[in-house]
Amino acid sequence: MWKGRYLFFVLICLFIFNPILVMAQTNVSLNTLREHVGFHFFTPELIEQAYLKVNEPKLLDSTKPITFVQLHYFNQETDQLFLTVTQHRARGHLIVKEKSKNDQIDGHEKTKKIVEEFKFNKHEGVAVKINKQEGRFIQWDAQDYPGGFLRWVQNGTFIELKSMVLNKEQLMEIAQNMR
Protein backbone atom coordinates (compact mmCIF):
# COMPACT_ATOMS: atom_id res chain seq x y z
CA MET A 1 0.00 0.00 0.00
CA TRP A 2 2.77 2.45 0.98
CA LYS A 3 4.77 1.66 -2.20
CA GLY A 4 1.72 2.33 -4.37
CA ARG A 5 1.18 5.74 -2.80
CA TYR A 6 4.88 6.56 -3.16
CA LEU A 7 4.85 5.58 -6.85
CA PHE A 8 1.71 7.67 -7.44
CA PHE A 9 3.33 10.66 -5.72
CA VAL A 10 6.51 10.30 -7.82
CA LEU A 11 4.51 10.10 -11.07
CA ILE A 12 2.46 13.18 -10.15
CA CYS A 13 5.65 15.12 -9.29
CA LEU A 14 7.23 14.13 -12.59
CA PHE A 15 4.16 15.32 -14.46
CA ILE A 16 3.88 18.59 -12.56
CA PHE A 17 7.54 19.55 -12.37
CA ASN A 18 8.84 18.28 -15.69
CA PRO A 19 6.97 19.86 -18.60
CA ILE A 20 9.10 17.97 -21.09
CA LEU A 21 7.20 14.79 -20.17
CA VAL A 22 3.83 16.36 -20.94
CA MET A 23 2.55 15.07 -24.26
CA ALA A 24 0.47 17.25 -26.48
CA GLN A 25 -2.98 16.22 -27.64
CA THR A 26 -1.84 16.61 -31.26
CA ASN A 27 0.73 13.81 -30.89
CA VAL A 28 3.55 16.38 -30.88
CA SER A 29 5.62 16.22 -27.71
CA LEU A 30 7.30 19.23 -26.18
CA ASN A 31 10.65 17.54 -26.87
CA THR A 32 9.77 17.33 -30.57
CA LEU A 33 8.72 20.97 -30.62
CA ARG A 34 11.94 21.93 -28.87
CA GLU A 35 13.94 20.16 -31.61
CA HIS A 36 12.13 21.91 -34.49
CA VAL A 37 11.51 25.49 -33.33
CA GLY A 38 13.55 28.29 -34.86
CA PHE A 39 13.86 30.18 -31.55
CA HIS A 40 14.57 29.58 -27.85
CA PHE A 41 11.51 27.63 -26.63
CA PHE A 42 10.21 28.09 -23.07
CA THR A 43 7.75 25.98 -21.09
CA PRO A 44 6.03 26.74 -17.78
CA GLU A 45 7.16 24.72 -14.78
CA LEU A 46 4.48 25.63 -12.23
CA ILE A 47 1.45 24.12 -13.92
CA GLU A 48 -0.48 21.76 -11.64
CA GLN A 49 -3.42 19.51 -12.46
CA ALA A 50 -3.41 20.42 -16.12
CA TYR A 51 -3.28 18.79 -19.47
CA LEU A 52 -1.71 20.33 -22.51
CA LYS A 53 -2.96 20.74 -26.05
CA VAL A 54 -0.61 22.08 -28.70
CA ASN A 55 -2.75 24.44 -30.77
CA GLU A 56 0.05 25.55 -33.12
CA PRO A 57 1.66 24.04 -35.04
CA LYS A 58 -1.33 21.97 -36.06
CA LEU A 59 0.82 19.64 -38.18
CA LEU A 60 4.52 19.03 -37.80
CA ASP A 61 6.50 19.39 -41.02
CA SER A 62 9.99 18.17 -40.17
CA THR A 63 11.42 19.81 -43.31
CA LYS A 64 10.66 23.32 -42.03
CA PRO A 65 11.50 24.98 -38.72
CA ILE A 66 8.55 25.86 -36.52
CA THR A 67 8.17 29.64 -36.35
CA PHE A 68 5.11 29.94 -34.07
CA VAL A 69 3.99 27.86 -31.07
CA GLN A 70 0.77 28.10 -29.10
CA LEU A 71 0.16 25.89 -26.07
CA HIS A 72 -3.19 25.57 -24.27
CA TYR A 73 -3.30 24.37 -20.67
CA PHE A 74 -6.61 22.98 -19.41
CA ASN A 75 -7.77 22.13 -15.89
CA GLN A 76 -7.97 18.33 -15.68
CA GLU A 77 -11.06 18.34 -13.48
CA THR A 78 -13.17 20.94 -15.31
CA ASP A 79 -11.68 20.91 -18.85
CA GLN A 80 -11.54 24.71 -18.58
CA LEU A 81 -8.83 26.50 -20.55
CA PHE A 82 -6.85 28.50 -17.99
CA LEU A 83 -3.62 29.44 -19.76
CA THR A 84 -2.47 30.03 -23.32
CA VAL A 85 1.25 30.35 -24.01
CA THR A 86 2.24 31.87 -27.36
CA GLN A 87 5.84 32.10 -28.59
CA HIS A 88 7.78 33.13 -31.67
CA ARG A 89 11.02 34.87 -32.56
CA ALA A 90 11.03 38.46 -31.38
CA ARG A 91 12.79 39.67 -34.53
CA GLY A 92 12.16 38.58 -38.07
CA HIS A 93 8.72 37.10 -37.32
CA LEU A 94 6.18 38.14 -39.94
CA ILE A 95 2.53 38.72 -39.07
CA VAL A 96 -0.47 39.27 -41.30
CA LYS A 97 -2.79 42.15 -40.44
CA GLU A 98 -6.03 43.07 -42.11
CA LYS A 99 -6.83 46.73 -42.67
CA SER A 100 -10.36 47.76 -43.54
CA LYS A 101 -11.42 50.99 -45.13
CA ASN A 102 -14.93 52.19 -45.87
CA ASP A 103 -15.30 53.69 -49.31
CA GLN A 104 -17.64 56.66 -48.89
CA ILE A 105 -18.45 56.85 -52.59
CA ASP A 106 -19.66 53.33 -53.30
CA GLY A 107 -20.46 52.35 -49.68
CA HIS A 108 -18.35 49.19 -49.71
CA GLU A 109 -15.76 48.18 -47.19
CA LYS A 110 -12.39 47.30 -48.66
CA THR A 111 -10.08 44.98 -46.77
CA LYS A 112 -6.49 44.33 -47.61
CA LYS A 113 -3.93 42.10 -45.97
CA ILE A 114 -0.62 43.57 -44.94
CA VAL A 115 2.40 41.45 -44.03
CA GLU A 116 4.77 43.17 -41.65
CA GLU A 117 7.47 42.34 -39.15
CA PHE A 118 6.31 41.81 -35.58
CA LYS A 119 7.16 44.62 -33.17
CA PHE A 120 6.88 44.31 -29.38
CA ASN A 121 4.81 47.23 -28.06
CA LYS A 122 6.54 48.60 -24.97
CA HIS A 123 3.91 51.29 -24.43
CA GLU A 124 0.70 49.37 -23.72
CA GLY A 125 -0.34 48.04 -20.33
CA VAL A 126 1.70 48.18 -17.13
CA ALA A 127 5.47 47.65 -17.03
CA VAL A 128 6.66 44.55 -15.11
CA LYS A 129 10.00 42.76 -14.67
CA ILE A 130 10.20 39.10 -15.69
CA ASN A 131 13.53 37.32 -15.30
CA LYS A 132 15.30 40.70 -15.46
CA GLN A 133 13.48 41.56 -18.70
CA GLU A 134 10.97 44.35 -19.19
CA GLY A 135 7.51 43.03 -19.87
CA ARG A 136 3.98 44.35 -20.08
CA PHE A 137 0.79 43.26 -18.36
CA ILE A 138 -2.45 44.20 -20.11
CA GLN A 139 -5.60 43.54 -18.12
CA TRP A 140 -8.81 42.46 -19.86
CA ASP A 141 -11.15 45.33 -20.69
CA ALA A 142 -14.02 43.50 -19.00
CA GLN A 143 -13.55 43.58 -15.23
CA ASP A 144 -15.36 40.23 -14.96
CA TYR A 145 -12.08 38.38 -15.54
CA PRO A 146 -9.04 38.59 -13.26
CA GLY A 147 -6.35 37.95 -15.88
CA GLY A 148 -5.10 39.44 -19.06
CA PHE A 149 -2.00 39.31 -21.22
CA LEU A 150 1.56 39.11 -19.89
CA ARG A 151 4.13 39.75 -22.63
CA TRP A 152 7.91 39.96 -22.71
CA VAL A 153 10.97 39.12 -24.80
CA GLN A 154 13.55 36.70 -23.42
CA ASN A 155 16.58 35.26 -25.25
CA GLY A 156 15.24 36.58 -28.55
CA THR A 157 11.82 34.95 -28.05
CA PHE A 158 8.53 36.83 -27.70
CA ILE A 159 6.43 35.12 -25.02
CA GLU A 160 2.79 35.83 -24.21
CA LEU A 161 0.81 34.30 -21.37
CA LYS A 162 -2.94 34.84 -21.66
CA SER A 163 -5.58 33.87 -19.11
CA MET A 164 -9.12 34.75 -18.15
CA VAL A 165 -8.77 32.67 -14.97
CA LEU A 166 -5.33 33.44 -13.53
CA ASN A 167 -4.65 36.89 -12.09
CA LYS A 168 -1.59 39.08 -12.69
CA GLU A 169 0.36 37.66 -9.73
CA GLN A 170 -0.28 34.06 -10.81
CA LEU A 171 0.77 34.85 -14.38
CA MET A 172 3.91 36.56 -13.07
CA GLU A 173 4.80 33.50 -10.97
CA ILE A 174 4.43 31.20 -13.99
CA ALA A 175 6.46 33.59 -16.15
CA GLN A 176 9.31 33.78 -13.61
CA ASN A 177 9.57 29.98 -13.71
CA MET A 178 9.52 29.36 -17.46
CA ARG A 179 12.58 27.44 -18.65
C-alpha atoms as a PDB file:
ATOM      1  CA  MET A   1       0.000   0.000   0.000  1.00  0.00           C
ATOM      2  CA  TRP A   2       2.768   2.451   0.981  1.00  0.00           C
ATOM      3  CA  LYS A   3       4.769   1.663  -2.205  1.00  0.00           C
ATOM      4  CA  GLY A   4       1.718   2.331  -4.374  1.00  0.00           C
ATOM      5  CA  ARG A   5       1.183   5.742  -2.801  1.00  0.00           C
ATOM      6  CA  TYR A   6       4.878   6.558  -3.162  1.00  0.00           C
ATOM      7  CA  LEU A   7       4.853   5.583  -6.851  1.00  0.00           C
ATOM      8  CA  PHE A   8       1.710   7.670  -7.444  1.00  0.00           C
ATOM      9  CA  PHE A   9       3.331  10.656  -5.718  1.00  0.00           C
ATOM     10  CA  VAL A  10       6.512  10.303  -7.822  1.00  0.00           C
ATOM     11  CA  LEU A  11       4.511  10.097 -11.065  1.00  0.00           C
ATOM     12  CA  ILE A  12       2.464  13.181 -10.154  1.00  0.00           C
ATOM     13  CA  CYS A  13       5.646  15.116  -9.291  1.00  0.00           C
ATOM     14  CA  LEU A  14       7.234  14.129 -12.590  1.00  0.00           C
ATOM     15  CA  PHE A  15       4.155  15.317 -14.464  1.00  0.00           C
ATOM     16  CA  ILE A  16       3.880  18.588 -12.564  1.00  0.00           C
ATOM     17  CA  PHE A  17       7.535  19.554 -12.367  1.00  0.00           C
ATOM     18  CA  ASN A  18       8.840  18.282 -15.693  1.00  0.00           C
ATOM     19  CA  PRO A  19       6.966  19.860 -18.598  1.00  0.00           C
ATOM     20  CA  ILE A  20       9.099  17.967 -21.093  1.00  0.00           C
ATOM     21  CA  LEU A  21       7.198  14.792 -20.167  1.00  0.00           C
ATOM     22  CA  VAL A  22       3.829  16.364 -20.938  1.00  0.00           C
ATOM     23  CA  MET A  23       2.548  15.070 -24.257  1.00  0.00           C
ATOM     24  CA  ALA A  24       0.469  17.246 -26.478  1.00  0.00           C
ATOM     25  CA  GLN A  25      -2.975  16.220 -27.644  1.00  0.00           C
ATOM     26  CA  THR A  26      -1.841  16.613 -31.261  1.00  0.00           C
ATOM     27  CA  ASN A  27       0.730  13.813 -30.890  1.00  0.00           C
ATOM     28  CA  VAL A  28       3.553  16.383 -30.878  1.00  0.00           C
ATOM     29  CA  SER A  29       5.618  16.219 -27.711  1.00  0.00           C
ATOM     30  CA  LEU A  30       7.296  19.231 -26.178  1.00  0.00           C
ATOM     31  CA  ASN A  31      10.646  17.538 -26.875  1.00  0.00           C
ATOM     32  CA  THR A  32       9.769  17.332 -30.574  1.00  0.00           C
ATOM     33  CA  LEU A  33       8.717  20.971 -30.616  1.00  0.00           C
ATOM     34  CA  ARG A  34      11.941  21.931 -28.873  1.00  0.00           C
ATOM     35  CA  GLU A  35      13.938  20.163 -31.605  1.00  0.00           C
ATOM     36  CA  HIS A  36      12.125  21.912 -34.492  1.00  0.00           C
ATOM     37  CA  VAL A  37      11.513  25.490 -33.329  1.00  0.00           C
ATOM     38  CA  GLY A  38      13.553  28.289 -34.861  1.00  0.00           C
ATOM     39  CA  PHE A  39      13.862  30.183 -31.545  1.00  0.00           C
ATOM     40  CA  HIS A  40      14.569  29.578 -27.853  1.00  0.00           C
ATOM     41  CA  PHE A  41      11.509  27.631 -26.628  1.00  0.00           C
ATOM     42  CA  PHE A  42      10.208  28.091 -23.069  1.00  0.00           C
ATOM     43  CA  THR A  43       7.747  25.978 -21.089  1.00  0.00           C
ATOM     44  CA  PRO A  44       6.032  26.739 -17.784  1.00  0.00           C
ATOM     45  CA  GLU A  45       7.160  24.720 -14.783  1.00  0.00           C
ATOM     46  CA  LEU A  46       4.485  25.632 -12.233  1.00  0.00           C
ATOM     47  CA  ILE A  47       1.447  24.118 -13.922  1.00  0.00           C
ATOM     48  CA  GLU A  48      -0.478  21.762 -11.645  1.00  0.00           C
ATOM     49  CA  GLN A  49      -3.423  19.506 -12.463  1.00  0.00           C
ATOM     50  CA  ALA A  50      -3.405  20.420 -16.121  1.00  0.00           C
ATOM     51  CA  TYR A  51      -3.280  18.786 -19.471  1.00  0.00           C
ATOM     52  CA  LEU A  52      -1.708  20.331 -22.512  1.00  0.00           C
ATOM     53  CA  LYS A  53      -2.957  20.739 -26.049  1.00  0.00           C
ATOM     54  CA  VAL A  54      -0.607  22.084 -28.696  1.00  0.00           C
ATOM     55  CA  ASN A  55      -2.753  24.439 -30.769  1.00  0.00           C
ATOM     56  CA  GLU A  56       0.046  25.546 -33.117  1.00  0.00           C
ATOM     57  CA  PRO A  57       1.656  24.041 -35.041  1.00  0.00           C
ATOM     58  CA  LYS A  58      -1.328  21.965 -36.062  1.00  0.00           C
ATOM     59  CA  LEU A  59       0.822  19.643 -38.175  1.00  0.00           C
ATOM     60  CA  LEU A  60       4.521  19.030 -37.800  1.00  0.00           C
ATOM     61  CA  ASP A  61       6.503  19.390 -41.022  1.00  0.00           C
ATOM     62  CA  SER A  62       9.992  18.166 -40.170  1.00  0.00           C
ATOM     63  CA  THR A  63      11.424  19.805 -43.314  1.00  0.00           C
ATOM     64  CA  LYS A  64      10.656  23.325 -42.027  1.00  0.00           C
ATOM     65  CA  PRO A  65      11.502  24.978 -38.720  1.00  0.00           C
ATOM     66  CA  ILE A  66       8.545  25.860 -36.517  1.00  0.00           C
ATOM     67  CA  THR A  67       8.169  29.640 -36.351  1.00  0.00           C
ATOM     68  CA  PHE A  68       5.110  29.937 -34.069  1.00  0.00           C
ATOM     69  CA  VAL A  69       3.993  27.861 -31.074  1.00  0.00           C
ATOM     70  CA  GLN A  70       0.767  28.104 -29.098  1.00  0.00           C
ATOM     71  CA  LEU A  71       0.156  25.885 -26.072  1.00  0.00           C
ATOM     72  CA  HIS A  72      -3.195  25.566 -24.274  1.00  0.00           C
ATOM     73  CA  TYR A  73      -3.300  24.369 -20.669  1.00  0.00           C
ATOM     74  CA  PHE A  74      -6.612  22.977 -19.407  1.00  0.00           C
ATOM     75  CA  ASN A  75      -7.766  22.128 -15.892  1.00  0.00           C
ATOM     76  CA  GLN A  76      -7.968  18.327 -15.684  1.00  0.00           C
ATOM     77  CA  GLU A  77     -11.056  18.343 -13.481  1.00  0.00           C
ATOM     78  CA  THR A  78     -13.173  20.939 -15.314  1.00  0.00           C
ATOM     79  CA  ASP A  79     -11.680  20.905 -18.847  1.00  0.00           C
ATOM     80  CA  GLN A  80     -11.541  24.709 -18.584  1.00  0.00           C
ATOM     81  CA  LEU A  81      -8.832  26.504 -20.549  1.00  0.00           C
ATOM     82  CA  PHE A  82      -6.855  28.501 -17.991  1.00  0.00           C
ATOM     83  CA  LEU A  83      -3.625  29.443 -19.760  1.00  0.00           C
ATOM     84  CA  THR A  84      -2.468  30.030 -23.324  1.00  0.00           C
ATOM     85  CA  VAL A  85       1.253  30.350 -24.007  1.00  0.00           C
ATOM     86  CA  THR A  86       2.239  31.870 -27.362  1.00  0.00           C
ATOM     87  CA  GLN A  87       5.837  32.100 -28.590  1.00  0.00           C
ATOM     88  CA  HIS A  88       7.780  33.129 -31.674  1.00  0.00           C
ATOM     89  CA  ARG A  89      11.022  34.874 -32.563  1.00  0.00           C
ATOM     90  CA  ALA A  90      11.031  38.464 -31.378  1.00  0.00           C
ATOM     91  CA  ARG A  91      12.794  39.670 -34.526  1.00  0.00           C
ATOM     92  CA  GLY A  92      12.157  38.576 -38.068  1.00  0.00           C
ATOM     93  CA  HIS A  93       8.720  37.103 -37.323  1.00  0.00           C
ATOM     94  CA  LEU A  94       6.180  38.139 -39.939  1.00  0.00           C
ATOM     95  CA  ILE A  95       2.531  38.715 -39.066  1.00  0.00           C
ATOM     96  CA  VAL A  96      -0.472  39.270 -41.296  1.00  0.00           C
ATOM     97  CA  LYS A  97      -2.789  42.155 -40.445  1.00  0.00           C
ATOM     98  CA  GLU A  98      -6.033  43.072 -42.108  1.00  0.00           C
ATOM     99  CA  LYS A  99      -6.835  46.730 -42.666  1.00  0.00           C
ATOM    100  CA  SER A 100     -10.362  47.755 -43.543  1.00  0.00           C
ATOM    101  CA  LYS A 101     -11.416  50.989 -45.132  1.00  0.00           C
ATOM    102  CA  ASN A 102     -14.931  52.194 -45.872  1.00  0.00           C
ATOM    103  CA  ASP A 103     -15.301  53.691 -49.307  1.00  0.00           C
ATOM    104  CA  GLN A 104     -17.645  56.662 -48.888  1.00  0.00           C
ATOM    105  CA  ILE A 105     -18.453  56.849 -52.591  1.00  0.00           C
ATOM    106  CA  ASP A 106     -19.664  53.328 -53.304  1.00  0.00           C
ATOM    107  CA  GLY A 107     -20.464  52.347 -49.675  1.00  0.00           C
ATOM    108  CA  HIS A 108     -18.348  49.193 -49.709  1.00  0.00           C
ATOM    109  CA  GLU A 109     -15.759  48.180 -47.189  1.00  0.00           C
ATOM    110  CA  LYS A 110     -12.391  47.297 -48.664  1.00  0.00           C
ATOM    111  CA  THR A 111     -10.079  44.980 -46.769  1.00  0.00           C
ATOM    112  CA  LYS A 112      -6.491  44.327 -47.612  1.00  0.00           C
ATOM    113  CA  LYS A 113      -3.929  42.102 -45.969  1.00  0.00           C
ATOM    114  CA  ILE A 114      -0.624  43.567 -44.940  1.00  0.00           C
ATOM    115  CA  VAL A 115       2.395  41.450 -44.033  1.00  0.00           C
ATOM    116  CA  GLU A 116       4.769  43.174 -41.647  1.00  0.00           C
ATOM    117  CA  GLU A 117       7.474  42.337 -39.154  1.00  0.00           C
ATOM    118  CA  PHE A 118       6.307  41.810 -35.583  1.00  0.00           C
ATOM    119  CA  LYS A 119       7.159  44.619 -33.165  1.00  0.00           C
ATOM    120  CA  PHE A 120       6.876  44.307 -29.380  1.00  0.00           C
ATOM    121  CA  ASN A 121       4.809  47.228 -28.058  1.00  0.00           C
ATOM    122  CA  LYS A 122       6.544  48.599 -24.970  1.00  0.00           C
ATOM    123  CA  HIS A 123       3.914  51.293 -24.431  1.00  0.00           C
ATOM    124  CA  GLU A 124       0.705  49.368 -23.716  1.00  0.00           C
ATOM    125  CA  GLY A 125      -0.336  48.041 -20.331  1.00  0.00           C
ATOM    126  CA  VAL A 126       1.699  48.176 -17.132  1.00  0.00           C
ATOM    127  CA  ALA A 127       5.469  47.645 -17.027  1.00  0.00           C
ATOM    128  CA  VAL A 128       6.658  44.551 -15.112  1.00  0.00           C
ATOM    129  CA  LYS A 129      10.002  42.758 -14.667  1.00  0.00           C
ATOM    130  CA  ILE A 130      10.196  39.097 -15.694  1.00  0.00           C
ATOM    131  CA  ASN A 131      13.535  37.315 -15.303  1.00  0.00           C
ATOM    132  CA  LYS A 132      15.305  40.695 -15.462  1.00  0.00           C
ATOM    133  CA  GLN A 133      13.481  41.564 -18.700  1.00  0.00           C
ATOM    134  CA  GLU A 134      10.974  44.354 -19.191  1.00  0.00           C
ATOM    135  CA  GLY A 135       7.514  43.027 -19.874  1.00  0.00           C
ATOM    136  CA  ARG A 136       3.980  44.346 -20.085  1.00  0.00           C
ATOM    137  CA  PHE A 137       0.786  43.258 -18.357  1.00  0.00           C
ATOM    138  CA  ILE A 138      -2.447  44.203 -20.106  1.00  0.00           C
ATOM    139  CA  GLN A 139      -5.604  43.543 -18.123  1.00  0.00           C
ATOM    140  CA  TRP A 140      -8.814  42.459 -19.860  1.00  0.00           C
ATOM    141  CA  ASP A 141     -11.155  45.331 -20.687  1.00  0.00           C
ATOM    142  CA  ALA A 142     -14.020  43.499 -19.002  1.00  0.00           C
ATOM    143  CA  GLN A 143     -13.549  43.578 -15.231  1.00  0.00           C
ATOM    144  CA  ASP A 144     -15.360  40.231 -14.959  1.00  0.00           C
ATOM    145  CA  TYR A 145     -12.084  38.381 -15.543  1.00  0.00           C
ATOM    146  CA  PRO A 146      -9.041  38.590 -13.260  1.00  0.00           C
ATOM    147  CA  GLY A 147      -6.355  37.947 -15.879  1.00  0.00           C
ATOM    148  CA  GLY A 148      -5.104  39.437 -19.065  1.00  0.00           C
ATOM    149  CA  PHE A 149      -1.996  39.307 -21.218  1.00  0.00           C
ATOM    150  CA  LEU A 150       1.556  39.110 -19.891  1.00  0.00           C
ATOM    151  CA  ARG A 151       4.128  39.748 -22.629  1.00  0.00           C
ATOM    152  CA  TRP A 152       7.909  39.956 -22.712  1.00  0.00           C
ATOM    153  CA  VAL A 153      10.968  39.122 -24.801  1.00  0.00           C
ATOM    154  CA  GLN A 154      13.547  36.702 -23.416  1.00  0.00           C
ATOM    155  CA  ASN A 155      16.583  35.263 -25.249  1.00  0.00           C
ATOM    156  CA  GLY A 156      15.237  36.576 -28.555  1.00  0.00           C
ATOM    157  CA  THR A 157      11.819  34.950 -28.051  1.00  0.00           C
ATOM    158  CA  PHE A 158       8.534  36.835 -27.702  1.00  0.00           C
ATOM    159  CA  ILE A 159       6.427  35.123 -25.024  1.00  0.00           C
ATOM    160  CA  GLU A 160       2.793  35.834 -24.211  1.00  0.00           C
ATOM    161  CA  LEU A 161       0.809  34.300 -21.372  1.00  0.00           C
ATOM    162  CA  LYS A 162      -2.942  34.836 -21.663  1.00  0.00           C
ATOM    163  CA  SER A 163      -5.578  33.870 -19.113  1.00  0.00           C
ATOM    164  CA  MET A 164      -9.117  34.754 -18.152  1.00  0.00           C
ATOM    165  CA  VAL A 165      -8.767  32.668 -14.970  1.00  0.00           C
ATOM    166  CA  LEU A 166      -5.330  33.441 -13.532  1.00  0.00           C
ATOM    167  CA  ASN A 167      -4.648  36.888 -12.091  1.00  0.00           C
ATOM    168  CA  LYS A 168      -1.591  39.077 -12.687  1.00  0.00           C
ATOM    169  CA  GLU A 169       0.358  37.656  -9.728  1.00  0.00           C
ATOM    170  CA  GLN A 170      -0.280  34.062 -10.810  1.00  0.00           C
ATOM    171  CA  LEU A 171       0.769  34.850 -14.383  1.00  0.00           C
ATOM    172  CA  MET A 172       3.914  36.561 -13.073  1.00  0.00           C
ATOM    173  CA  GLU A 173       4.803  33.500 -10.974  1.00  0.00           C
ATOM    174  CA  ILE A 174       4.425  31.201 -13.988  1.00  0.00           C
ATOM    175  CA  ALA A 175       6.456  33.595 -16.152  1.00  0.00           C
ATOM    176  CA  GLN A 176       9.307  33.779 -13.613  1.00  0.00           C
ATOM    177  CA  ASN A 177       9.570  29.981 -13.714  1.00  0.00           C
ATOM    178  CA  MET A 178       9.520  29.363 -17.456  1.00  0.00           C
ATOM    179  CA  ARG A 179      12.576  27.437 -18.653  1.00  0.00           C
END
